[in-house]
Amino acid sequence: MTSSLVPWNTCGATMSSFLTVPTAQYAPYAFLNWSSSIASAFYGFTGIGIERMTDEEYAGVLKEREAELQAEMEALKG
């Protein structure tokens, strides 16, 4: 969401050329871009909406991912 606010990447350069204005000129009007970043930081720091896993659940997820990786590696070999 914030890539259009960064003038030196392809998204920012494209938006700037389409609008024929510098990035700093349209940035104050990019409400969704700014609000998305602020909301993400808020939810990340407060933990609202983030489900916590126990150590056992986390170990199970890692075990499943390792099994999937091994299966993919075997599929590539065969």
N, C-alpha and C. Protein backbone atom coordinates (compact mmCIF):
# COMPACT_ATOMS: atom_id res chain seq x y z
N MET A 1 0.81 -1.20 0.00
CA MET A 1 0.00 0.00 0.00
C MET A 1 0.86 1.27 0.00
N THR A 2 2.00 1.20 0.61
CA THR A 2 2.80 2.43 0.69
C THR A 2 3.78 2.57 -0.46
N SER A 3 3.86 1.58 -1.34
CA SER A 3 4.86 1.67 -2.42
C SER A 3 4.62 2.84 -3.35
N SER A 4 3.39 3.26 -3.50
CA SER A 4 3.13 4.41 -4.37
C SER A 4 3.62 5.72 -3.76
N LEU A 5 3.97 5.69 -2.49
CA LEU A 5 4.48 6.89 -1.82
C LEU A 5 6.00 6.96 -1.85
N VAL A 6 6.65 5.92 -2.37
CA VAL A 6 8.11 5.88 -2.46
C VAL A 6 8.50 6.22 -3.90
N PRO A 7 9.04 7.40 -4.13
CA PRO A 7 9.25 7.86 -5.51
C PRO A 7 10.31 7.09 -6.29
N TRP A 8 11.23 6.39 -5.65
CA TRP A 8 12.31 5.73 -6.38
C TRP A 8 12.03 4.27 -6.71
N ASN A 9 10.82 3.76 -6.42
CA ASN A 9 10.49 2.41 -6.89
C ASN A 9 9.54 2.51 -8.09
N THR A 10 9.27 1.39 -8.72
CA THR A 10 8.48 1.43 -9.96
C THR A 10 7.05 1.91 -9.73
N CYS A 11 6.46 1.55 -8.62
CA CYS A 11 5.09 1.99 -8.36
C CYS A 11 5.02 3.50 -8.17
N GLY A 12 5.91 4.03 -7.37
CA GLY A 12 5.92 5.48 -7.14
C GLY A 12 6.24 6.25 -8.42
N ALA A 13 7.17 5.74 -9.21
CA ALA A 13 7.51 6.41 -10.47
C ALA A 13 6.34 6.37 -11.44
N THR A 14 5.64 5.23 -11.48
CA THR A 14 4.49 5.10 -12.37
C THR A 14 3.37 6.06 -11.95
N MET A 15 3.06 6.06 -10.65
CA MET A 15 2.00 6.95 -10.17
C MET A 15 2.35 8.40 -10.43
N SER A 16 3.60 8.76 -10.20
CA SER A 16 4.03 10.13 -10.42
C SER A 16 3.93 10.52 -11.89
N SER A 17 4.29 9.58 -12.78
CA SER A 17 4.21 9.91 -14.20
C SER A 17 2.76 9.95 -14.70
N PHE A 18 1.91 9.06 -14.17
CA PHE A 18 0.48 9.10 -14.57
C PHE A 18 -0.18 10.39 -14.14
N LEU A 19 0.15 10.82 -12.92
CA LEU A 19 -0.47 12.03 -12.39
C LEU A 19 0.27 13.30 -12.83
N THR A 20 1.44 13.14 -13.37
CA THR A 20 2.32 14.24 -13.79
C THR A 20 2.57 15.25 -12.67
N VAL A 21 2.72 14.72 -11.46
CA VAL A 21 3.08 15.54 -10.30
C VAL A 21 4.09 14.76 -9.46
N PRO A 22 4.91 15.44 -8.69
CA PRO A 22 5.84 14.74 -7.81
C PRO A 22 5.09 13.96 -6.72
N THR A 23 5.72 12.92 -6.21
CA THR A 23 5.11 12.08 -5.18
C THR A 23 4.72 12.89 -3.95
N ALA A 24 5.56 13.81 -3.55
CA ALA A 24 5.27 14.62 -2.36
C ALA A 24 4.01 15.45 -2.53
N GLN A 25 3.64 15.74 -3.77
CA GLN A 25 2.46 16.56 -4.01
C GLN A 25 1.16 15.77 -3.85
N TYR A 26 1.16 14.48 -4.23
CA TYR A 26 -0.08 13.69 -4.07
C TYR A 26 -0.10 12.89 -2.78
N ALA A 27 1.00 12.80 -2.07
CA ALA A 27 1.07 12.01 -0.82
C ALA A 27 0.05 12.44 0.24
N PRO A 28 -0.20 13.74 0.45
CA PRO A 28 -1.18 14.11 1.47
C PRO A 28 -2.60 13.62 1.16
N TYR A 29 -2.88 13.30 -0.10
CA TYR A 29 -4.22 12.87 -0.47
C TYR A 29 -4.36 11.34 -0.51
N ALA A 30 -3.29 10.65 -0.22
CA ALA A 30 -3.30 9.19 -0.26
C ALA A 30 -3.73 8.64 1.11
N PHE A 31 -4.97 8.91 1.48
CA PHE A 31 -5.46 8.55 2.81
C PHE A 31 -5.40 7.04 3.07
N LEU A 32 -5.80 6.25 2.10
CA LEU A 32 -5.80 4.80 2.29
C LEU A 32 -4.39 4.28 2.52
N ASN A 33 -3.43 4.80 1.79
CA ASN A 33 -2.05 4.37 1.94
C ASN A 33 -1.52 4.66 3.34
N TRP A 34 -1.77 5.86 3.83
CA TRP A 34 -1.30 6.22 5.17
C TRP A 34 -2.07 5.47 6.25
N SER A 35 -3.39 5.40 6.12
CA SER A 35 -4.19 4.76 7.17
C SER A 35 -3.89 3.27 7.27
N SER A 36 -3.58 2.62 6.17
CA SER A 36 -3.24 1.20 6.18
C SER A 36 -1.97 0.97 7.00
N SER A 37 -0.98 1.80 6.78
CA SER A 37 0.28 1.67 7.52
C SER A 37 0.08 1.92 9.01
N ILE A 38 -0.69 2.92 9.33
CA ILE A 38 -0.94 3.26 10.73
C ILE A 38 -1.73 2.15 11.41
N ALA A 39 -2.75 1.63 10.73
CA ALA A 39 -3.56 0.55 11.31
C ALA A 39 -2.72 -0.71 11.50
N SER A 40 -1.86 -1.03 10.54
CA SER A 40 -1.01 -2.21 10.66
C SER A 40 -0.07 -2.08 11.87
N ALA A 41 0.52 -0.93 12.04
CA ALA A 41 1.40 -0.71 13.18
C ALA A 41 0.63 -0.80 14.49
N PHE A 42 -0.56 -0.21 14.52
CA PHE A 42 -1.38 -0.25 15.73
C PHE A 42 -1.72 -1.69 16.13
N TYR A 43 -2.23 -2.47 15.16
CA TYR A 43 -2.60 -3.85 15.47
C TYR A 43 -1.38 -4.70 15.80
N GLY A 44 -0.25 -4.42 15.18
CA GLY A 44 0.97 -5.16 15.47
C GLY A 44 1.47 -4.91 16.88
N PHE A 45 1.46 -3.65 17.31
CA PHE A 45 1.96 -3.33 18.64
C PHE A 45 0.99 -3.72 19.75
N THR A 46 -0.31 -3.61 19.51
CA THR A 46 -1.28 -3.93 20.56
C THR A 46 -1.62 -5.41 20.61
N GLY A 47 -1.42 -6.13 19.50
CA GLY A 47 -1.73 -7.56 19.49
C GLY A 47 -3.20 -7.85 19.27
N ILE A 48 -3.99 -6.84 18.98
CA ILE A 48 -5.42 -7.05 18.75
C ILE A 48 -5.58 -7.85 17.45
N GLY A 49 -6.36 -8.90 17.52
CA GLY A 49 -6.62 -9.72 16.34
C GLY A 49 -5.53 -10.73 16.02
N ILE A 50 -4.51 -10.82 16.86
CA ILE A 50 -3.43 -11.77 16.64
C ILE A 50 -3.59 -12.92 17.62
N GLU A 51 -3.73 -14.11 17.07
CA GLU A 51 -3.90 -15.28 17.92
C GLU A 51 -2.53 -15.80 18.35
N ARG A 52 -2.36 -16.00 19.64
CA ARG A 52 -1.09 -16.49 20.17
C ARG A 52 -1.08 -18.01 20.12
N MET A 53 0.07 -18.58 19.78
CA MET A 53 0.22 -20.02 19.76
C MET A 53 1.07 -20.46 20.95
N THR A 54 0.75 -21.64 21.45
CA THR A 54 1.60 -22.21 22.49
C THR A 54 2.86 -22.76 21.82
N ASP A 55 3.85 -23.09 22.63
CA ASP A 55 5.08 -23.64 22.09
C ASP A 55 4.82 -24.95 21.35
N GLU A 56 3.88 -25.75 21.86
CA GLU A 56 3.56 -27.03 21.23
C GLU A 56 2.90 -26.81 19.87
N GLU A 57 1.99 -25.83 19.79
CA GLU A 57 1.34 -25.52 18.51
C GLU A 57 2.37 -25.02 17.50
N TYR A 58 3.28 -24.18 17.95
CA TYR A 58 4.31 -23.65 17.07
C TYR A 58 5.21 -24.77 16.56
N ALA A 59 5.60 -25.67 17.44
CA ALA A 59 6.43 -26.81 17.04
C ALA A 59 5.69 -27.67 16.02
N GLY A 60 4.38 -27.84 16.19
CA GLY A 60 3.58 -28.61 15.24
C GLY A 60 3.55 -27.95 13.87
N VAL A 61 3.41 -26.64 13.84
CA VAL A 61 3.41 -25.91 12.57
C VAL A 61 4.76 -26.06 11.87
N LEU A 62 5.84 -25.93 12.63
CA LEU A 62 7.17 -26.10 12.04
C LEU A 62 7.36 -27.51 11.50
N LYS A 63 6.84 -28.49 12.21
CA LYS A 63 6.94 -29.89 11.77
C LYS A 63 6.16 -30.10 10.46
N GLU A 64 4.97 -29.52 10.37
CA GLU A 64 4.17 -29.62 9.15
C GLU A 64 4.87 -28.96 7.97
N ARG A 65 5.46 -27.79 8.20
CA ARG A 65 6.17 -27.09 7.12
C ARG A 65 7.38 -27.89 6.66
N GLU A 66 8.09 -28.51 7.60
CA GLU A 66 9.24 -29.32 7.23
C GLU A 66 8.81 -30.53 6.40
N ALA A 67 7.68 -31.15 6.78
CA ALA A 67 7.16 -32.29 6.02
C ALA A 67 6.75 -31.86 4.61
N GLU A 68 6.12 -30.69 4.50
CA GLU A 68 5.73 -30.18 3.18
C GLU A 68 6.96 -29.90 2.32
N LEU A 69 7.99 -29.34 2.95
CA LEU A 69 9.23 -29.04 2.22
C LEU A 69 9.87 -30.33 1.73
N GLN A 70 9.91 -31.34 2.57
CA GLN A 70 10.49 -32.63 2.17
C GLN A 70 9.70 -33.25 1.02
N ALA A 71 8.37 -33.16 1.08
CA ALA A 71 7.52 -33.70 0.02
C ALA A 71 7.77 -32.97 -1.30
N GLU A 72 7.94 -31.66 -1.24
CA GLU A 72 8.23 -30.88 -2.45
C GLU A 72 9.59 -31.23 -3.02
N MET A 73 10.57 -31.41 -2.14
CA MET A 73 11.90 -31.78 -2.59
C MET A 73 11.89 -33.16 -3.26
N GLU A 74 11.13 -34.09 -2.70
CA GLU A 74 11.01 -35.43 -3.30
C GLU A 74 10.30 -35.35 -4.66
N ALA A 75 9.30 -34.48 -4.76
CA ALA A 75 8.58 -34.33 -6.03
C ALA A 75 9.49 -33.75 -7.11
N LEU A 76 10.39 -32.84 -6.71
CA LEU A 76 11.32 -32.27 -7.68
C LEU A 76 12.36 -33.30 -8.15
N LYS A 77 12.74 -34.18 -7.24
CA LYS A 77 13.73 -35.22 -7.59
C LYS A 77 13.12 -36.26 -8.52
N GLY A 78 11.85 -36.61 -8.26
CA GLY A 78 11.22 -37.70 -8.99
C GLY A 78 10.60 -37.28 -10.22
